[in-house]
Amino acid sequence: MDTKISCLIQGVVGIAFGLLALLAPDITLATFYALFWVLLAVGIIGFLLLAITARSGDSLFWFILSAVLLVIGAVSFFAPFVVALIFLLLIAGVAIYSGFSDITLALTHPKTKYILIPGMFIIGGALLGVLIWYFPIVSKNLFLTVLGSFALVFGLFSIILGLHIKDEVY
């Protein structure tokens, strides 16, 4: 995929997730939990189908993987907030990777590295400070507030970087 289009897509997804996380944190957590259950069910069914159709030596491996997913589902039934937190950490990892790829892309373009890298972190921290100072209710779910504010800022900078990059010629 073209770097420019990739930055624009990452930016739009980052902004959408950031706004959802900041404006509707309870709905976002509920959506993550529902998405977790859907992915867990698809994984269990997929691993069971692979176990049934695999050779005899490989089928035990797929049955074990489906059993592991079943155990994860049972644990998540009794501790739903832990699963939501783990899923949020997974999303945070994707956001960190997106920010890291923006930073490395900015380092390859010398004109943007002095503006983009400090700007992302300064504006993200400032937005977080403003949110906590003026809207103390957001500190009820601080982890999602931090994640949403930095996803929003990294998304904006990703779009700016995508618009700044010249069209690549292969």
C-alpha atoms as a PDB file:
ATOM      1  CA  MET A   1       0.000   0.000   0.000  1.00  0.00           C
ATOM      2  CA  ASP A   2       1.135   3.514  -0.687  1.00  0.00           C
ATOM      3  CA  THR A   3       2.642   5.284   2.348  1.00  0.00           C
ATOM      4  CA  LYS A   4       0.433   8.316   1.855  1.00  0.00           C
ATOM      5  CA  ILE A   5      -2.786   6.283   1.802  1.00  0.00           C
ATOM      6  CA  SER A   6      -1.574   4.182   4.726  1.00  0.00           C
ATOM      7  CA  CYS A   7      -0.979   7.294   6.832  1.00  0.00           C
ATOM      8  CA  LEU A   8      -4.398   8.680   5.929  1.00  0.00           C
ATOM      9  CA  ILE A   9      -6.169   5.414   6.825  1.00  0.00           C
ATOM     10  CA  GLN A  10      -4.259   5.131  10.123  1.00  0.00           C
ATOM     11  CA  GLY A  11      -5.160   8.720  10.883  1.00  0.00           C
ATOM     12  CA  VAL A  12      -8.872   8.270  10.252  1.00  0.00           C
ATOM     13  CA  VAL A  13      -8.974   5.091  12.356  1.00  0.00           C
ATOM     14  CA  GLY A  14      -6.992   6.789  15.146  1.00  0.00           C
ATOM     15  CA  ILE A  15      -9.308   9.790  15.196  1.00  0.00           C
ATOM     16  CA  ALA A  16     -12.421   7.596  15.183  1.00  0.00           C
ATOM     17  CA  PHE A  17     -11.116   5.435  18.027  1.00  0.00           C
ATOM     18  CA  GLY A  18      -9.908   8.450  19.995  1.00  0.00           C
ATOM     19  CA  LEU A  19     -13.243  10.220  19.740  1.00  0.00           C
ATOM     20  CA  LEU A  20     -15.159   7.084  20.684  1.00  0.00           C
ATOM     21  CA  ALA A  21     -12.887   6.414  23.641  1.00  0.00           C
ATOM     22  CA  LEU A  22     -13.186   9.992  24.906  1.00  0.00           C
ATOM     23  CA  LEU A  23     -16.861  10.640  24.240  1.00  0.00           C
ATOM     24  CA  ALA A  24     -18.371   7.231  25.028  1.00  0.00           C
ATOM     25  CA  PRO A  25     -15.978   5.200  27.192  1.00  0.00           C
ATOM     26  CA  ASP A  26     -18.614   2.811  28.543  1.00  0.00           C
ATOM     27  CA  ILE A  27     -19.930   2.030  25.082  1.00  0.00           C
ATOM     28  CA  THR A  28     -16.371   1.578  23.822  1.00  0.00           C
ATOM     29  CA  LEU A  29     -15.576  -0.905  26.588  1.00  0.00           C
ATOM     30  CA  ALA A  30     -18.819  -2.781  25.944  1.00  0.00           C
ATOM     31  CA  THR A  31     -18.031  -2.888  22.227  1.00  0.00           C
ATOM     32  CA  PHE A  32     -14.546  -4.214  22.934  1.00  0.00           C
ATOM     33  CA  TYR A  33     -15.986  -6.890  25.165  1.00  0.00           C
ATOM     34  CA  ALA A  34     -18.555  -7.910  22.534  1.00  0.00           C
ATOM     35  CA  LEU A  35     -15.887  -7.932  19.830  1.00  0.00           C
ATOM     36  CA  PHE A  36     -13.733 -10.105  22.075  1.00  0.00           C
ATOM     37  CA  TRP A  37     -16.543 -12.651  22.378  1.00  0.00           C
ATOM     38  CA  VAL A  38     -17.115 -12.667  18.625  1.00  0.00           C
ATOM     39  CA  LEU A  39     -13.406 -13.160  17.902  1.00  0.00           C
ATOM     40  CA  LEU A  40     -13.196 -15.853  20.574  1.00  0.00           C
ATOM     41  CA  ALA A  41     -16.149 -17.763  19.078  1.00  0.00           C
ATOM     42  CA  VAL A  42     -14.733 -17.474  15.553  1.00  0.00           C
ATOM     43  CA  GLY A  43     -11.340 -18.666  16.819  1.00  0.00           C
ATOM     44  CA  ILE A  44     -12.793 -21.675  18.633  1.00  0.00           C
ATOM     45  CA  ILE A  45     -14.896 -22.673  15.631  1.00  0.00           C
ATOM     46  CA  GLY A  46     -11.978 -22.144  13.245  1.00  0.00           C
ATOM     47  CA  PHE A  47      -9.571 -24.181  15.375  1.00  0.00           C
ATOM     48  CA  LEU A  48     -12.123 -26.982  15.742  1.00  0.00           C
ATOM     49  CA  LEU A  49     -12.639 -27.072  11.977  1.00  0.00           C
ATOM     50  CA  LEU A  50      -8.876 -27.194  11.490  1.00  0.00           C
ATOM     51  CA  ALA A  51      -8.639 -29.983  14.054  1.00  0.00           C
ATOM     52  CA  ILE A  52     -11.292 -32.027  12.307  1.00  0.00           C
ATOM     53  CA  THR A  53      -9.826 -31.568   8.831  1.00  0.00           C
ATOM     54  CA  ALA A  54      -6.130 -31.814   9.776  1.00  0.00           C
ATOM     55  CA  ARG A  55      -3.942 -34.889   9.638  1.00  0.00           C
ATOM     56  CA  SER A  56      -3.915 -37.042  12.762  1.00  0.00           C
ATOM     57  CA  GLY A  57      -0.611 -35.620  14.028  1.00  0.00           C
ATOM     58  CA  ASP A  58      -1.723 -32.012  13.658  1.00  0.00           C
ATOM     59  CA  SER A  59      -5.283 -32.347  14.921  1.00  0.00           C
ATOM     60  CA  LEU A  60      -4.224 -32.555  18.581  1.00  0.00           C
ATOM     61  CA  PHE A  61      -2.466 -29.195  18.245  1.00  0.00           C
ATOM     62  CA  TRP A  62      -5.635 -27.518  16.900  1.00  0.00           C
ATOM     63  CA  PHE A  63      -7.783 -29.155  19.590  1.00  0.00           C
ATOM     64  CA  ILE A  64      -5.418 -27.819  22.262  1.00  0.00           C
ATOM     65  CA  LEU A  65      -5.609 -24.322  20.772  1.00  0.00           C
ATOM     66  CA  SER A  66      -9.401 -24.446  20.753  1.00  0.00           C
ATOM     67  CA  ALA A  67      -9.358 -25.655  24.373  1.00  0.00           C
ATOM     68  CA  VAL A  68      -7.066 -22.768  25.334  1.00  0.00           C
ATOM     69  CA  LEU A  69      -9.501 -20.315  23.742  1.00  0.00           C
ATOM     70  CA  LEU A  70     -12.358 -22.018  25.596  1.00  0.00           C
ATOM     71  CA  VAL A  71     -10.499 -21.572  28.901  1.00  0.00           C
ATOM     72  CA  ILE A  72      -9.849 -17.911  28.062  1.00  0.00           C
ATOM     73  CA  GLY A  73     -13.574 -17.527  27.390  1.00  0.00           C
ATOM     74  CA  ALA A  74     -14.456 -19.150  30.730  1.00  0.00           C
ATOM     75  CA  VAL A  75     -12.041 -16.891  32.605  1.00  0.00           C
ATOM     76  CA  SER A  76     -13.388 -13.848  30.792  1.00  0.00           C
ATOM     77  CA  PHE A  77     -16.917 -14.763  31.811  1.00  0.00           C
ATOM     78  CA  PHE A  78     -15.960 -14.446  35.488  1.00  0.00           C
ATOM     79  CA  ALA A  79     -13.617 -11.449  35.075  1.00  0.00           C
ATOM     80  CA  PRO A  80     -14.946  -9.298  32.194  1.00  0.00           C
ATOM     81  CA  PHE A  81     -12.986  -6.177  33.120  1.00  0.00           C
ATOM     82  CA  VAL A  82      -9.686  -8.029  32.925  1.00  0.00           C
ATOM     83  CA  VAL A  83     -10.506  -9.143  29.394  1.00  0.00           C
ATOM     84  CA  ALA A  84     -11.564  -5.635  28.407  1.00  0.00           C
ATOM     85  CA  LEU A  85      -8.285  -4.335  29.801  1.00  0.00           C
ATOM     86  CA  ILE A  86      -6.284  -6.946  27.882  1.00  0.00           C
ATOM     87  CA  PHE A  87      -8.154  -6.089  24.690  1.00  0.00           C
ATOM     88  CA  LEU A  88      -7.514  -2.398  25.296  1.00  0.00           C
ATOM     89  CA  LEU A  89      -3.828  -3.159  25.779  1.00  0.00           C
ATOM     90  CA  LEU A  90      -3.879  -4.895  22.427  1.00  0.00           C
ATOM     91  CA  ILE A  91      -5.432  -1.803  20.842  1.00  0.00           C
ATOM     92  CA  ALA A  92      -2.842   0.329  22.657  1.00  0.00           C
ATOM     93  CA  GLY A  93      -0.117  -1.819  21.128  1.00  0.00           C
ATOM     94  CA  VAL A  94      -1.526  -1.160  17.669  1.00  0.00           C
ATOM     95  CA  ALA A  95      -1.686   2.575  18.434  1.00  0.00           C
ATOM     96  CA  ILE A  96       1.913   2.550  19.671  1.00  0.00           C
ATOM     97  CA  TYR A  97       2.979   0.748  16.502  1.00  0.00           C
ATOM     98  CA  SER A  98       1.142   3.338  14.423  1.00  0.00           C
ATOM     99  CA  GLY A  99       2.845   6.160  16.302  1.00  0.00           C
ATOM    100  CA  PHE A 100       6.214   4.427  15.973  1.00  0.00           C
ATOM    101  CA  SER A 101       5.749   4.004  12.221  1.00  0.00           C
ATOM    102  CA  ASP A 102       4.834   7.702  11.971  1.00  0.00           C
ATOM    103  CA  ILE A 103       7.957   8.613  13.914  1.00  0.00           C
ATOM    104  CA  THR A 104      10.220   6.457  11.736  1.00  0.00           C
ATOM    105  CA  LEU A 105       8.555   7.867   8.631  1.00  0.00           C
ATOM    106  CA  ALA A 106       9.145  11.365   9.970  1.00  0.00           C
ATOM    107  CA  LEU A 107      12.796  10.558  10.588  1.00  0.00           C
ATOM    108  CA  THR A 108      13.201   9.631   6.929  1.00  0.00           C
ATOM    109  CA  HIS A 109      11.770  13.025   5.952  1.00  0.00           C
ATOM    110  CA  PRO A 110      14.132  15.541   7.605  1.00  0.00           C
ATOM    111  CA  LYS A 111      11.796  18.535   7.412  1.00  0.00           C
ATOM    112  CA  THR A 112       9.114  16.853   9.517  1.00  0.00           C
ATOM    113  CA  LYS A 113      11.158  15.195  12.242  1.00  0.00           C
ATOM    114  CA  TYR A 114      11.683  18.347  14.299  1.00  0.00           C
ATOM    115  CA  ILE A 115       8.001  19.244  14.235  1.00  0.00           C
ATOM    116  CA  LEU A 116       6.196  15.918  14.215  1.00  0.00           C
ATOM    117  CA  ILE A 117       7.898  13.917  16.950  1.00  0.00           C
ATOM    118  CA  PRO A 118       7.822  16.474  19.780  1.00  0.00           C
ATOM    119  CA  GLY A 119       4.497  17.842  18.562  1.00  0.00           C
ATOM    120  CA  MET A 120       2.721  14.488  18.890  1.00  0.00           C
ATOM    121  CA  PHE A 121       3.799  13.997  22.473  1.00  0.00           C
ATOM    122  CA  ILE A 122       3.387  17.607  23.602  1.00  0.00           C
ATOM    123  CA  ILE A 123      -0.093  18.006  22.130  1.00  0.00           C
ATOM    124  CA  GLY A 124      -1.131  14.538  23.371  1.00  0.00           C
ATOM    125  CA  GLY A 125       0.002  15.371  26.897  1.00  0.00           C
ATOM    126  CA  ALA A 126      -1.609  18.817  26.728  1.00  0.00           C
ATOM    127  CA  LEU A 127      -4.911  17.332  25.555  1.00  0.00           C
ATOM    128  CA  LEU A 128      -4.781  14.791  28.358  1.00  0.00           C
ATOM    129  CA  GLY A 129      -4.057  17.523  30.905  1.00  0.00           C
ATOM    130  CA  VAL A 130      -6.902  19.707  29.607  1.00  0.00           C
ATOM    131  CA  LEU A 131      -9.322  16.792  29.695  1.00  0.00           C
ATOM    132  CA  ILE A 132      -8.424  15.839  33.250  1.00  0.00           C
ATOM    133  CA  TRP A 133      -8.386  19.464  34.458  1.00  0.00           C
ATOM    134  CA  TYR A 134     -11.641  20.654  32.880  1.00  0.00           C
ATOM    135  CA  PHE A 135     -13.536  17.350  32.785  1.00  0.00           C
ATOM    136  CA  PRO A 136     -12.592  15.443  35.946  1.00  0.00           C
ATOM    137  CA  ILE A 137     -15.253  12.839  35.166  1.00  0.00           C
ATOM    138  CA  VAL A 138     -12.917  11.376  32.519  1.00  0.00           C
ATOM    139  CA  SER A 139     -10.543  10.270  35.263  1.00  0.00           C
ATOM    140  CA  LYS A 140     -13.144   7.623  36.163  1.00  0.00           C
ATOM    141  CA  ASN A 141     -11.680   5.545  33.346  1.00  0.00           C
ATOM    142  CA  LEU A 142      -8.202   7.026  33.151  1.00  0.00           C
ATOM    143  CA  PHE A 143      -6.675   4.264  31.052  1.00  0.00           C
ATOM    144  CA  LEU A 144      -9.239   4.722  28.282  1.00  0.00           C
ATOM    145  CA  THR A 145      -8.877   8.513  28.498  1.00  0.00           C
ATOM    146  CA  VAL A 146      -5.103   8.331  28.035  1.00  0.00           C
ATOM    147  CA  LEU A 147      -5.468   5.850  25.209  1.00  0.00           C
ATOM    148  CA  GLY A 148      -8.188   7.875  23.487  1.00  0.00           C
ATOM    149  CA  SER A 149      -6.419  11.211  23.732  1.00  0.00           C
ATOM    150  CA  PHE A 150      -3.141   9.901  22.340  1.00  0.00           C
ATOM    151  CA  ALA A 151      -4.960   7.930  19.612  1.00  0.00           C
ATOM    152  CA  LEU A 152      -6.768  11.123  18.622  1.00  0.00           C
ATOM    153  CA  VAL A 153      -3.568  13.181  18.492  1.00  0.00           C
ATOM    154  CA  PHE A 154      -1.542  10.465  16.739  1.00  0.00           C
ATOM    155  CA  GLY A 155      -4.398  10.126  14.217  1.00  0.00           C
ATOM    156  CA  LEU A 156      -4.367  13.852  13.511  1.00  0.00           C
ATOM    157  CA  PHE A 157      -0.605  13.840  13.044  1.00  0.00           C
ATOM    158  CA  SER A 158      -0.860  10.765  10.841  1.00  0.00           C
ATOM    159  CA  ILE A 159      -3.258  12.604   8.559  1.00  0.00           C
ATOM    160  CA  ILE A 160      -0.994  15.656   8.542  1.00  0.00           C
ATOM    161  CA  LEU A 161       1.968  13.447   7.678  1.00  0.00           C
ATOM    162  CA  GLY A 162      -0.040  11.667   4.978  1.00  0.00           C
ATOM    163  CA  LEU A 163      -0.978  14.977   3.394  1.00  0.00           C
ATOM    164  CA  HIS A 164       2.605  16.213   3.652  1.00  0.00           C
ATOM    165  CA  ILE A 165       4.188  13.209   1.917  1.00  0.00           C
ATOM    166  CA  LYS A 166       4.688  13.614  -1.796  1.00  0.00           C
ATOM    167  CA  ASP A 167       3.299  10.899  -4.071  1.00  0.00           C
ATOM    168  CA  GLU A 168       5.740   7.994  -4.239  1.00  0.00           C
ATOM    169  CA  VAL A 169       7.045   6.750  -7.547  1.00  0.00           C
ATOM    170  CA  TYR A 170       7.940   3.073  -7.787  1.00  0.00           C
END
